[in-house]
PDB file of all heavy atoms in Angstrom:
ATOM      1  N   GLU A   1       3.994  -7.782   3.968  1.00  0.00           N
ATOM      2  CA  GLU A   1       2.695  -8.133   3.158  1.00  0.00           C
ATOM      3  C   GLU A   1       2.375  -7.010   2.187  1.00  0.00           C
ATOM      4  O   GLU A   1       2.002  -7.226   1.060  1.00  0.00           O
ATOM      5  CB  GLU A   1       1.592  -8.477   4.008  1.00  0.00           C
ATOM      6  CG  GLU A   1       1.643  -9.680   4.901  1.00  0.00           C
ATOM      7  CD  GLU A   1       1.881 -10.957   4.012  1.00  0.00           C
ATOM      8  OE1 GLU A   1       1.331 -10.988   2.908  1.00  0.00           O
ATOM      9  OE2 GLU A   1       2.549 -11.936   4.559  1.00  0.00           O
ATOM     10  N   VAL A   2       2.502  -5.767   2.716  1.00  0.00           N
ATOM     11  CA  VAL A   2       2.212  -4.662   1.773  1.00  0.00           C
ATOM     12  C   VAL A   2       3.271  -4.388   0.749  1.00  0.00           C
ATOM     13  O   VAL A   2       2.983  -3.986  -0.447  1.00  0.00           O
ATOM     14  CB  VAL A   2       1.863  -3.302   2.573  1.00  0.00           C
ATOM     15  CG1 VAL A   2       1.660  -2.171   1.672  1.00  0.00           C
ATOM     16  CG2 VAL A   2       0.607  -3.558   3.460  1.00  0.00           C
ATOM     17  N   PHE A   3       4.481  -4.610   1.196  1.00  0.00           N
ATOM     18  CA  PHE A   3       5.680  -4.452   0.265  1.00  0.00           C
ATOM     19  C   PHE A   3       5.609  -5.338  -0.961  1.00  0.00           C
ATOM     20  O   PHE A   3       5.965  -4.866  -2.070  1.00  0.00           O
ATOM     21  CB  PHE A   3       7.003  -4.756   1.021  1.00  0.00           C
ATOM     22  CG  PHE A   3       8.219  -4.399   0.313  1.00  0.00           C
ATOM     23  CD1 PHE A   3       8.719  -3.159   0.207  1.00  0.00           C
ATOM     24  CD2 PHE A   3       8.854  -5.470  -0.428  1.00  0.00           C
ATOM     25  CE1 PHE A   3       9.842  -2.861  -0.524  1.00  0.00           C
ATOM     26  CE2 PHE A   3       9.959  -5.176  -1.138  1.00  0.00           C
ATOM     27  CZ  PHE A   3      10.539  -3.916  -1.215  1.00  0.00           C
ATOM     28  N   GLU A   4       4.959  -6.504  -0.796  1.00  0.00           N
ATOM     29  CA  GLU A   4       4.842  -7.342  -1.957  1.00  0.00           C
ATOM     30  C   GLU A   4       3.953  -6.900  -3.034  1.00  0.00           C
ATOM     31  O   GLU A   4       4.080  -7.377  -4.233  1.00  0.00           O
ATOM     32  CB  GLU A   4       4.327  -8.799  -1.469  1.00  0.00           C
ATOM     33  CG  GLU A   4       5.384  -9.529  -0.626  1.00  0.00           C
ATOM     34  CD  GLU A   4       4.839 -10.840  -0.073  1.00  0.00           C
ATOM     35  OE1 GLU A   4       3.617 -11.117  -0.324  1.00  0.00           O
ATOM     36  OE2 GLU A   4       5.593 -11.613   0.609  1.00  0.00           O
ATOM     37  N   ILE A   5       3.108  -5.887  -2.690  1.00  0.00           N
ATOM     38  CA  ILE A   5       2.162  -5.383  -3.786  1.00  0.00           C
ATOM     39  C   ILE A   5       2.321  -3.772  -3.793  1.00  0.00           C
ATOM     40  O   ILE A   5       1.409  -3.106  -4.123  1.00  0.00           O
ATOM     41  CB  ILE A   5       0.697  -5.713  -3.438  1.00  0.00           C
ATOM     42  CG1 ILE A   5       0.208  -5.249  -2.140  1.00  0.00           C
ATOM     43  CG2 ILE A   5       0.522  -7.226  -3.691  1.00  0.00           C
ATOM     44  CD1 ILE A   5      -1.192  -5.492  -1.888  1.00  0.00           C
ATOM     45  N   LYS A   6       3.588  -3.354  -3.460  1.00  0.00           N
ATOM     46  CA  LYS A   6       3.770  -1.986  -3.365  1.00  0.00           C
ATOM     47  C   LYS A   6       3.690  -1.154  -4.644  1.00  0.00           C
ATOM     48  O   LYS A   6       3.559   0.016  -4.715  1.00  0.00           O
ATOM     49  CB  LYS A   6       5.162  -1.653  -2.645  1.00  0.00           C
ATOM     50  CG  LYS A   6       6.369  -1.991  -3.629  1.00  0.00           C
ATOM     51  CD  LYS A   6       7.686  -1.735  -2.906  1.00  0.00           C
ATOM     52  CE  LYS A   6       8.924  -1.791  -3.765  1.00  0.00           C
ATOM     53  NZ  LYS A   6       8.937  -2.903  -4.679  1.00  0.00           N
ATOM     54  N   ASP A   7       3.671  -1.994  -5.780  1.00  0.00           N
ATOM     55  CA  ASP A   7       3.605  -1.277  -7.052  1.00  0.00           C
ATOM     56  C   ASP A   7       2.217  -0.592  -7.277  1.00  0.00           C
ATOM     57  O   ASP A   7       2.043   0.254  -8.019  1.00  0.00           O
ATOM     58  CB  ASP A   7       3.732  -2.381  -8.235  1.00  0.00           C
ATOM     59  CG  ASP A   7       5.131  -2.893  -8.330  1.00  0.00           C
ATOM     60  OD1 ASP A   7       6.028  -2.235  -7.708  1.00  0.00           O
ATOM     61  OD2 ASP A   7       5.353  -3.896  -8.960  1.00  0.00           O
ATOM     62  N   ILE A   8       1.196  -1.008  -6.439  1.00  0.00           N
ATOM     63  CA  ILE A   8      -0.124  -0.395  -6.500  1.00  0.00           C
ATOM     64  C   ILE A   8      -0.047   0.958  -5.819  1.00  0.00           C
ATOM     65  O   ILE A   8      -0.844   1.849  -6.126  1.00  0.00           O
ATOM     66  CB  ILE A   8      -1.167  -1.314  -5.720  1.00  0.00           C
ATOM     67  CG1 ILE A   8      -1.318  -2.635  -6.393  1.00  0.00           C
ATOM     68  CG2 ILE A   8      -2.562  -0.550  -5.690  1.00  0.00           C
ATOM     69  CD1 ILE A   8      -2.237  -3.579  -5.634  1.00  0.00           C
ATOM     70  N   LEU A   9       0.929   1.192  -4.981  1.00  0.00           N
ATOM     71  CA  LEU A   9       1.032   2.418  -4.153  1.00  0.00           C
ATOM     72  C   LEU A   9       1.882   3.472  -4.770  1.00  0.00           C
ATOM     73  O   LEU A   9       2.681   3.201  -5.566  1.00  0.00           O
ATOM     74  CB  LEU A   9       1.536   2.034  -2.717  1.00  0.00           C
ATOM     75  CG  LEU A   9       0.836   0.813  -2.023  1.00  0.00           C
ATOM     76  CD1 LEU A   9       1.559   0.480  -0.810  1.00  0.00           C
ATOM     77  CD2 LEU A   9      -0.604   1.230  -1.702  1.00  0.00           C
ATOM     78  N   GLU A  10       1.631   4.682  -4.273  1.00  0.00           N
ATOM     79  CA  GLU A  10       2.377   5.858  -4.669  1.00  0.00           C
ATOM     80  C   GLU A  10       3.678   5.937  -3.825  1.00  0.00           C
ATOM     81  O   GLU A  10       4.755   6.393  -4.327  1.00  0.00           O
ATOM     82  CB  GLU A  10       1.578   7.172  -4.580  1.00  0.00           C
ATOM     83  CG  GLU A  10       0.364   7.175  -5.444  1.00  0.00           C
ATOM     84  CD  GLU A  10       0.758   7.204  -6.944  1.00  0.00           C
ATOM     85  OE1 GLU A  10       1.600   8.046  -7.417  1.00  0.00           O
ATOM     86  OE2 GLU A  10       0.307   6.242  -7.603  1.00  0.00           O
ATOM     87  N   SER A  11       3.464   5.611  -2.530  1.00  0.00           N
ATOM     88  CA  SER A  11       4.656   5.633  -1.556  1.00  0.00           C
ATOM     89  C   SER A  11       4.275   4.619  -0.455  1.00  0.00           C
ATOM     90  O   SER A  11       3.112   4.392  -0.163  1.00  0.00           O
ATOM     91  CB  SER A  11       4.976   7.077  -1.000  1.00  0.00           C
ATOM     92  OG  SER A  11       3.845   7.500  -0.339  1.00  0.00           O
ATOM     93  N   PHE A  12       5.374   4.169   0.266  1.00  0.00           N
ATOM     94  CA  PHE A  12       5.178   3.203   1.302  1.00  0.00           C
ATOM     95  C   PHE A  12       6.332   3.113   2.208  1.00  0.00           C
ATOM     96  O   PHE A  12       7.500   3.207   1.729  1.00  0.00           O
ATOM     97  CB  PHE A  12       4.798   1.833   0.672  1.00  0.00           C
ATOM     98  CG  PHE A  12       4.802   0.695   1.616  1.00  0.00           C
ATOM     99  CD1 PHE A  12       3.783   0.590   2.623  1.00  0.00           C
ATOM    100  CD2 PHE A  12       5.807  -0.270   1.702  1.00  0.00           C
ATOM    101  CE1 PHE A  12       3.749  -0.370   3.500  1.00  0.00           C
ATOM    102  CE2 PHE A  12       5.727  -1.242   2.571  1.00  0.00           C
ATOM    103  CZ  PHE A  12       4.800  -1.379   3.525  1.00  0.00           C
ATOM    104  N   GLY A  13       6.057   2.861   3.506  1.00  0.00           N
ATOM    105  CA  GLY A  13       7.207   2.593   4.373  1.00  0.00           C
ATOM    106  C   GLY A  13       6.659   2.105   5.751  1.00  0.00           C
ATOM    107  O   GLY A  13       5.409   2.118   5.914  1.00  0.00           O
ATOM    108  N   GLY A  14       7.537   1.556   6.540  1.00  0.00           N
ATOM    109  CA  GLY A  14       6.962   1.086   7.836  1.00  0.00           C
ATOM    110  C   GLY A  14       7.880  -0.019   8.449  1.00  0.00           C
ATOM    111  O   GLY A  14       9.050  -0.148   8.180  1.00  0.00           O
ATOM    112  N   HIS A  15       7.217  -0.852   9.312  1.00  0.00           N
ATOM    113  CA  HIS A  15       7.916  -1.957   9.975  1.00  0.00           C
ATOM    114  C   HIS A  15       6.857  -3.043  10.262  1.00  0.00           C
ATOM    115  O   HIS A  15       5.690  -2.797   9.870  1.00  0.00           O
ATOM    116  CB  HIS A  15       8.611  -1.490  11.244  1.00  0.00           C
ATOM    117  CG  HIS A  15       7.736  -0.801  12.199  1.00  0.00           C
ATOM    118  ND1 HIS A  15       6.847  -1.414  13.085  1.00  0.00           N
ATOM    119  CD2 HIS A  15       7.573   0.503  12.542  1.00  0.00           C
ATOM    120  CE1 HIS A  15       6.180  -0.586  13.823  1.00  0.00           C
ATOM    121  NE2 HIS A  15       6.568   0.661  13.537  1.00  0.00           N
ATOM    122  N   PRO A  16       7.196  -4.184  10.847  1.00  0.00           N
ATOM    123  CA  PRO A  16       6.230  -5.326  10.900  1.00  0.00           C
ATOM    124  C   PRO A  16       4.891  -4.980  11.616  1.00  0.00           C
ATOM    125  O   PRO A  16       3.868  -5.594  11.298  1.00  0.00           O
ATOM    126  CB  PRO A  16       7.016  -6.332  11.742  1.00  0.00           C
ATOM    127  CG  PRO A  16       8.408  -6.115  11.397  1.00  0.00           C
ATOM    128  CD  PRO A  16       8.630  -4.634  11.270  1.00  0.00           C
ATOM    129  N   MET A  17       4.898  -3.945  12.491  1.00  0.00           N
ATOM    130  CA  MET A  17       3.603  -3.691  13.260  1.00  0.00           C
ATOM    131  C   MET A  17       2.896  -2.377  12.786  1.00  0.00           C
ATOM    132  O   MET A  17       1.798  -2.088  13.195  1.00  0.00           O
ATOM    133  CB  MET A  17       3.994  -3.556  14.730  1.00  0.00           C
ATOM    134  CG  MET A  17       4.446  -4.870  15.375  1.00  0.00           C
ATOM    135  SD  MET A  17       3.241  -6.216  15.217  1.00  0.00           S
ATOM    136  CE  MET A  17       2.079  -5.617  16.484  1.00  0.00           C
ATOM    137  N   ALA A  18       3.510  -1.678  11.883  1.00  0.00           N
ATOM    138  CA  ALA A  18       2.879  -0.470  11.433  1.00  0.00           C
ATOM    139  C   ALA A  18       3.433   0.027  10.069  1.00  0.00           C
ATOM    140  O   ALA A  18       4.517  -0.340   9.712  1.00  0.00           O
ATOM    141  CB  ALA A  18       3.117   0.682  12.464  1.00  0.00           C
ATOM    142  N   CYS A  19       2.566   0.780   9.355  1.00  0.00           N
ATOM    143  CA  CYS A  19       3.084   1.315   8.037  1.00  0.00           C
ATOM    144  C   CYS A  19       2.368   2.606   7.732  1.00  0.00           C
ATOM    145  O   CYS A  19       1.373   2.972   8.321  1.00  0.00           O
ATOM    146  CB  CYS A  19       2.762   0.258   6.967  1.00  0.00           C
ATOM    147  SG  CYS A  19       1.040   0.031   6.475  1.00  0.00           S
ATOM    148  N   GLY A  20       2.989   3.259   6.739  1.00  0.00           N
ATOM    149  CA  GLY A  20       2.361   4.553   6.164  1.00  0.00           C
ATOM    150  C   GLY A  20       2.313   4.414   4.705  1.00  0.00           C
ATOM    151  O   GLY A  20       3.341   3.742   4.135  1.00  0.00           O
ATOM    152  N   LEU A  21       1.340   4.969   4.104  1.00  0.00           N
ATOM    153  CA  LEU A  21       1.254   4.750   2.613  1.00  0.00           C
ATOM    154  C   LEU A  21       0.478   5.849   1.943  1.00  0.00           C
ATOM    155  O   LEU A  21      -0.318   6.622   2.658  1.00  0.00           O
ATOM    156  CB  LEU A  21       0.691   3.424   2.236  1.00  0.00           C
ATOM    157  CG  LEU A  21      -0.681   3.004   2.828  1.00  0.00           C
ATOM    158  CD1 LEU A  21      -1.856   3.677   1.922  1.00  0.00           C
ATOM    159  CD2 LEU A  21      -0.874   1.555   2.927  1.00  0.00           C
ATOM    160  N   SER A  22       0.675   5.998   0.665  1.00  0.00           N
ATOM    161  CA  SER A  22      -0.260   6.811  -0.109  1.00  0.00           C
ATOM    162  C   SER A  22      -0.604   6.068  -1.446  1.00  0.00           C
ATOM    163  O   SER A  22       0.095   5.179  -1.875  1.00  0.00           O
ATOM    164  CB  SER A  22       0.456   8.117  -0.620  1.00  0.00           C
ATOM    165  OG  SER A  22       1.603   7.874  -1.395  1.00  0.00           O
ATOM    166  N   ILE A  23      -1.829   6.304  -1.952  1.00  0.00           N
ATOM    167  CA  ILE A  23      -2.413   5.436  -3.008  1.00  0.00           C
ATOM    168  C   ILE A  23      -3.368   6.301  -3.794  1.00  0.00           C
ATOM    169  O   ILE A  23      -4.089   7.137  -3.193  1.00  0.00           O
ATOM    170  CB  ILE A  23      -3.031   4.211  -2.417  1.00  0.00           C
ATOM    171  CG1 ILE A  23      -3.579   3.296  -3.536  1.00  0.00           C
ATOM    172  CG2 ILE A  23      -4.195   4.522  -1.469  1.00  0.00           C
ATOM    173  CD1 ILE A  23      -4.042   1.954  -3.007  1.00  0.00           C
ATOM    174  N   ARG A  24      -3.480   6.043  -5.009  1.00  0.00           N
ATOM    175  CA  ARG A  24      -4.446   6.688  -5.881  1.00  0.00           C
ATOM    176  C   ARG A  24      -5.919   6.218  -5.430  1.00  0.00           C
ATOM    177  O   ARG A  24      -6.018   4.972  -5.207  1.00  0.00           O
ATOM    178  CB  ARG A  24      -4.253   6.481  -7.304  1.00  0.00           C
ATOM    179  CG  ARG A  24      -2.961   7.080  -7.846  1.00  0.00           C
ATOM    180  CD  ARG A  24      -3.006   7.188  -9.384  1.00  0.00           C
ATOM    181  NE  ARG A  24      -4.133   7.962  -9.846  1.00  0.00           N
ATOM    182  CZ  ARG A  24      -4.050   9.294  -9.981  1.00  0.00           C
ATOM    183  NH1 ARG A  24      -3.004   9.945  -9.568  1.00  0.00           N
ATOM    184  NH2 ARG A  24      -5.128  10.038 -10.380  1.00  0.00           N
ATOM    185  N   SER A  25      -6.921   7.053  -5.362  1.00  0.00           N
ATOM    186  CA  SER A  25      -8.198   6.629  -4.851  1.00  0.00           C
ATOM    187  C   SER A  25      -8.840   5.643  -5.732  1.00  0.00           C
ATOM    188  O   SER A  25      -9.612   4.729  -5.173  1.00  0.00           O
ATOM    189  CB  SER A  25      -9.113   7.855  -4.897  1.00  0.00           C
ATOM    190  OG  SER A  25      -9.212   8.590  -6.044  1.00  0.00           O
ATOM    191  N   ASP A  26      -8.568   5.556  -6.993  1.00  0.00           N
ATOM    192  CA  ASP A  26      -9.118   4.530  -7.881  1.00  0.00           C
ATOM    193  C   ASP A  26      -8.453   3.176  -7.740  1.00  0.00           C
ATOM    194  O   ASP A  26      -8.932   2.180  -8.512  1.00  0.00           O
ATOM    195  CB  ASP A  26      -9.154   4.949  -9.351  1.00  0.00           C
ATOM    196  CG  ASP A  26      -7.737   5.313  -9.878  1.00  0.00           C
ATOM    197  OD1 ASP A  26      -6.719   5.190  -9.137  1.00  0.00           O
ATOM    198  OD2 ASP A  26      -7.590   5.722 -11.059  1.00  0.00           O
ATOM    199  N   LYS A  27      -7.437   3.066  -6.960  1.00  0.00           N
ATOM    200  CA  LYS A  27      -6.784   1.776  -6.674  1.00  0.00           C
ATOM    201  C   LYS A  27      -7.041   1.242  -5.492  1.00  0.00           C
ATOM    202  O   LYS A  27      -6.512   0.058  -5.086  1.00  0.00           O
ATOM    203  CB  LYS A  27      -5.265   1.989  -6.928  1.00  0.00           C
ATOM    204  CG  LYS A  27      -4.912   2.277  -8.406  1.00  0.00           C
ATOM    205  CD  LYS A  27      -3.469   2.356  -8.582  1.00  0.00           C
ATOM    206  CE  LYS A  27      -2.994   2.619 -10.001  1.00  0.00           C
ATOM    207  NZ  LYS A  27      -1.523   2.657 -10.214  1.00  0.00           N
ATOM    208  N   VAL A  28      -7.880   1.811  -4.610  1.00  0.00           N
ATOM    209  CA  VAL A  28      -8.076   1.244  -3.283  1.00  0.00           C
ATOM    210  C   VAL A  28      -8.784  -0.064  -3.234  1.00  0.00           C
ATOM    211  O   VAL A  28      -8.301  -1.028  -2.472  1.00  0.00           O
ATOM    212  CB  VAL A  28      -8.997   2.220  -2.432  1.00  0.00           C
ATOM    213  CG1 VAL A  28      -9.346   1.705  -1.063  1.00  0.00           C
ATOM    214  CG2 VAL A  28      -8.191   3.554  -2.171  1.00  0.00           C
ATOM    215  N   GLU A  29      -9.738  -0.344  -4.089  1.00  0.00           N
ATOM    216  CA  GLU A  29     -10.462  -1.565  -4.052  1.00  0.00           C
ATOM    217  C   GLU A  29      -9.467  -2.677  -4.538  1.00  0.00           C
ATOM    218  O   GLU A  29      -9.577  -3.869  -3.942  1.00  0.00           O
ATOM    219  CB  GLU A  29     -11.685  -1.517  -5.020  1.00  0.00           C
ATOM    220  CG  GLU A  29     -12.840  -0.776  -4.455  1.00  0.00           C
ATOM    221  CD  GLU A  29     -13.259  -1.285  -3.071  1.00  0.00           C
ATOM    222  OE1 GLU A  29     -13.334  -2.526  -2.887  1.00  0.00           O
ATOM    223  OE2 GLU A  29     -13.644  -0.488  -2.181  1.00  0.00           O
ATOM    224  N   ASP A  30      -8.690  -2.467  -5.533  1.00  0.00           N
ATOM    225  CA  ASP A  30      -7.678  -3.367  -5.995  1.00  0.00           C
ATOM    226  C   ASP A  30      -6.698  -3.722  -4.878  1.00  0.00           C
ATOM    227  O   ASP A  30      -6.270  -4.922  -4.653  1.00  0.00           O
ATOM    228  CB  ASP A  30      -6.920  -2.895  -7.166  1.00  0.00           C
ATOM    229  CG  ASP A  30      -6.029  -3.862  -7.814  1.00  0.00           C
ATOM    230  OD1 ASP A  30      -6.436  -5.086  -7.779  1.00  0.00           O
ATOM    231  OD2 ASP A  30      -5.077  -3.504  -8.437  1.00  0.00           O
ATOM    232  N   PHE A  31      -6.352  -2.770  -4.167  1.00  0.00           N
ATOM    233  CA  PHE A  31      -5.436  -2.928  -3.028  1.00  0.00           C
ATOM    234  C   PHE A  31      -6.055  -3.804  -1.920  1.00  0.00           C
ATOM    235  O   PHE A  31      -5.404  -4.717  -1.429  1.00  0.00           O
ATOM    236  CB  PHE A  31      -5.080  -1.514  -2.413  1.00  0.00           C
ATOM    237  CG  PHE A  31      -4.120  -1.530  -1.284  1.00  0.00           C
ATOM    238  CD1 PHE A  31      -2.825  -2.136  -1.267  1.00  0.00           C
ATOM    239  CD2 PHE A  31      -4.567  -0.971  -0.064  1.00  0.00           C
ATOM    240  CE1 PHE A  31      -2.056  -2.159  -0.177  1.00  0.00           C
ATOM    241  CE2 PHE A  31      -3.725  -1.056   1.073  1.00  0.00           C
ATOM    242  CZ  PHE A  31      -2.514  -1.538   1.005  1.00  0.00           C
ATOM    243  N   ARG A  32      -7.251  -3.477  -1.596  1.00  0.00           N
ATOM    244  CA  ARG A  32      -7.990  -4.248  -0.577  1.00  0.00           C
ATOM    245  C   ARG A  32      -8.100  -5.723  -0.988  1.00  0.00           C
ATOM    246  O   ARG A  32      -7.881  -6.645  -0.185  1.00  0.00           O
ATOM    247  CB  ARG A  32      -9.371  -3.678  -0.374  1.00  0.00           C
ATOM    248  CG  ARG A  32     -10.200  -4.416   0.728  1.00  0.00           C
ATOM    249  CD  ARG A  32     -11.571  -3.852   0.776  1.00  0.00           C
ATOM    250  NE  ARG A  32     -11.575  -2.570   1.453  1.00  0.00           N
ATOM    251  CZ  ARG A  32     -11.798  -1.426   0.917  1.00  0.00           C
ATOM    252  NH1 ARG A  32     -12.154  -1.381  -0.424  1.00  0.00           N
ATOM    253  NH2 ARG A  32     -11.734  -0.294   1.492  1.00  0.00           N
ATOM    254  N   GLN A  33      -8.522  -5.933  -2.258  1.00  0.00           N
ATOM    255  CA  GLN A  33      -8.721  -7.341  -2.711  1.00  0.00           C
ATOM    256  C   GLN A  33      -7.427  -8.067  -2.675  1.00  0.00           C
ATOM    257  O   GLN A  33      -7.369  -9.206  -2.250  1.00  0.00           O
ATOM    258  CB  GLN A  33      -9.356  -7.319  -4.135  1.00  0.00           C
ATOM    259  CG  GLN A  33      -9.730  -8.664  -4.587  1.00  0.00           C
ATOM    260  CD  GLN A  33     -10.570  -8.713  -5.858  1.00  0.00           C
ATOM    261  OE1 GLN A  33     -11.225  -7.683  -6.212  1.00  0.00           O
ATOM    262  NE2 GLN A  33     -10.463  -9.780  -6.614  1.00  0.00           N
TER     263      GLN A  33
END
């Protein structure tokens, strides 16, 4: 699910039950929505 919108993120990785990510603070609301 997160991989489908990974363009919002700076970095991303994980598996079906867990993930790790980094994101610009001004993009958090967009990511949540």
